[in-house]
Protein backbone atom coordinates (compact mmCIF):
# COMPACT_ATOMS: atom_id res chain seq x y z
CA MET A 1 -27.62 0.89 11.56
CA GLU A 2 -25.23 3.74 11.19
CA LEU A 3 -23.06 4.51 8.21
CA ARG A 4 -19.87 4.07 10.22
CA PHE A 5 -20.70 0.40 10.79
CA TYR A 6 -20.92 -0.38 7.08
CA GLY A 7 -19.51 2.61 5.22
CA LEU A 8 -15.92 2.57 6.48
CA PRO A 9 -15.42 -1.20 6.15
CA LEU A 10 -16.95 -1.20 2.67
CA LEU A 11 -14.74 1.72 1.69
CA LEU A 12 -11.65 -0.09 3.00
CA VAL A 13 -12.53 -3.35 1.23
CA GLY A 14 -13.29 -1.47 -1.99
CA GLY A 15 -9.94 0.29 -1.78
CA ALA A 16 -8.16 -3.00 -1.11
CA VAL A 17 -9.80 -4.69 -4.11
CA TRP A 18 -8.99 -1.73 -6.36
CA LEU A 19 -5.37 -1.67 -5.14
CA ALA A 20 -4.99 -5.42 -5.73
CA LEU A 21 -6.50 -5.29 -9.22
CA VAL A 22 -4.37 -2.34 -10.31
CA GLU A 23 -1.24 -3.97 -8.93
CA VAL A 24 -1.91 -7.34 -10.59
CA ARG A 25 -2.47 -5.58 -13.93
CA TYR A 26 0.78 -3.63 -13.47
CA PHE A 27 2.63 -6.83 -12.59
CA LEU A 28 1.26 -8.72 -15.61
CA ALA A 29 2.21 -5.87 -17.95
CA HIS A 30 5.77 -5.80 -16.64
CA ARG A 31 6.04 -9.58 -16.59
CA ALA A 32 5.22 -9.60 -20.29
CA ALA A 33 8.07 -7.11 -20.79
CA GLY A 34 10.44 -9.46 -18.97
CA ASN A 35 11.00 -7.67 -15.66
CA PRO A 36 8.31 -8.60 -13.13
CA PRO A 37 8.39 -6.38 -10.00
CA TRP A 38 7.95 -9.11 -7.37
CA PRO A 39 8.78 -7.01 -4.28
CA ARG A 40 6.27 -4.35 -5.29
CA LEU A 41 3.56 -6.95 -5.94
CA ILE A 42 4.10 -8.65 -2.59
CA ARG A 43 4.24 -5.33 -0.72
CA ARG A 44 1.06 -3.99 -2.29
CA LEU A 45 -0.93 -7.22 -1.97
CA PHE A 46 0.09 -7.41 1.69
CA GLY A 47 -1.15 -3.83 2.07
CA ALA A 48 -4.47 -4.78 0.48
CA ALA A 49 -4.77 -7.73 2.87
CA LEU A 50 -4.07 -5.37 5.79
CA LEU A 51 -6.89 -3.10 4.63
CA VAL A 52 -9.29 -6.04 4.55
CA GLY A 53 -8.15 -7.06 8.04
CA ILE A 54 -8.68 -3.55 9.37
CA ALA A 55 -12.13 -3.45 7.76
CA ALA A 56 -13.03 -6.76 9.40
CA MET A 57 -11.83 -5.55 12.79
CA PHE A 58 -13.92 -2.37 12.44
CA GLN A 59 -16.98 -4.31 11.30
CA PHE A 60 -16.93 -6.95 14.04
CA ALA A 61 -15.90 -4.71 16.91
CA GLU A 62 -18.14 -4.39 19.93
CA THR A 63 -19.09 -0.72 20.17
CA THR A 64 -21.92 -0.67 22.68
CA LEU A 65 -21.18 0.11 26.29
CA PRO A 66 -23.03 -1.93 28.90
CA GLU A 67 -24.09 -0.38 32.19
CA GLN A 68 -21.56 -2.43 34.10
CA MET A 69 -18.29 -3.60 32.59
CA SER A 70 -15.82 -5.74 34.43
CA PRO A 71 -12.13 -4.81 34.33
CA GLU A 72 -11.46 -7.96 32.30
CA GLN A 73 -13.99 -6.90 29.66
CA ALA A 74 -12.54 -3.40 29.57
CA MET A 75 -9.03 -4.80 29.11
CA ALA A 76 -10.26 -7.15 26.37
CA ARG A 77 -11.76 -4.21 24.49
CA LEU A 78 -8.62 -2.16 24.99
CA HIS A 79 -6.48 -4.99 23.60
CA TYR A 80 -8.85 -5.40 20.65
CA TRP A 81 -8.66 -1.73 19.70
CA MET A 82 -4.91 -1.62 20.30
CA GLY A 83 -4.61 -4.57 17.89
CA THR A 84 -6.68 -2.63 15.36
CA LEU A 85 -4.45 0.40 15.87
CA ALA A 86 -1.38 -1.82 15.42
CA LEU A 87 -2.73 -3.01 12.05
CA VAL A 88 -3.33 0.61 11.01
CA GLY A 89 0.22 1.49 12.08
CA LEU A 90 1.62 -1.46 10.14
CA ALA A 91 -0.33 -0.35 7.07
CA ALA A 92 1.08 3.18 7.44
CA ILE A 93 4.64 1.85 7.76
CA LEU A 94 4.10 -0.33 4.70
CA ALA A 95 2.78 2.69 2.76
CA LEU A 96 5.84 4.75 3.72
CA TRP A 97 8.12 1.88 2.72
CA ASP A 98 6.34 1.71 -0.64
CA VAL A 99 6.70 5.46 -1.19
CA LEU A 100 10.42 5.35 -0.39
CA ALA A 101 10.95 2.36 -2.69
CA GLU A 102 9.15 4.11 -5.55
CA LEU A 103 11.16 7.30 -4.97
CA ARG A 104 14.37 5.26 -5.15
CA SER A 105 13.14 3.67 -8.36
CA LEU A 106 12.26 7.06 -9.79
CA ARG A 107 15.67 8.46 -8.86
CA SER A 108 17.45 5.59 -10.60
CA TYR A 109 15.23 6.04 -13.66
CA VAL A 110 16.03 9.78 -13.81
CA ASP A 111 19.75 9.03 -13.44
CA ARG A 112 19.58 6.48 -16.24
CA VAL A 113 17.71 8.88 -18.56
CA GLU A 114 20.16 11.67 -17.74
CA ARG A 115 23.14 9.40 -18.54
CA ASP A 116 21.55 8.38 -21.84
CA GLU A 117 20.84 11.98 -22.80
CA LEU A 118 24.40 13.04 -21.97
CA ARG A 119 25.76 10.15 -24.04
CA ASN A 120 23.50 11.13 -26.97
CA LEU A 121 24.60 14.75 -26.70
CA GLU A 122 28.24 13.71 -26.57
CA ASN A 123 27.82 11.54 -29.67
CA ARG A 124 26.11 14.37 -31.53
CA LEU A 125 28.92 16.77 -30.65
CA LYS A 126 31.52 14.30 -31.93
CA GLU A 127 29.80 13.94 -35.31
CA PRO A 128 31.39 15.94 -38.13
CA ARG A 129 29.25 18.77 -39.39
CA SER A 130 28.07 18.56 -42.95
């Protein structure tokens, strides 16, 4: 048994479990504060499920080549690996979507902090000096 048969799927499942646990803890902390980030939770849990699906497809894939393979068998394997590649592509698109959403969130946070600081500075300048 080679490491690639067990190492990569175990690594993917471990990453998915870690991602799900971190995200659930983040969600619970923000839910207690009164603003639960539902879209982020759904997006990240779906990403974790995709990682588990990719790991399962890697683990249960047929990797040995028989001496003779019919065209139907070759096409079945091609479709299987194209499906695996499609899941990887979907996971990559989901990761990019998540990055863009977090950048938008960060930009709005920076804008809000900047507005608050300008308002504080304006109030301090209006105060009479003692």
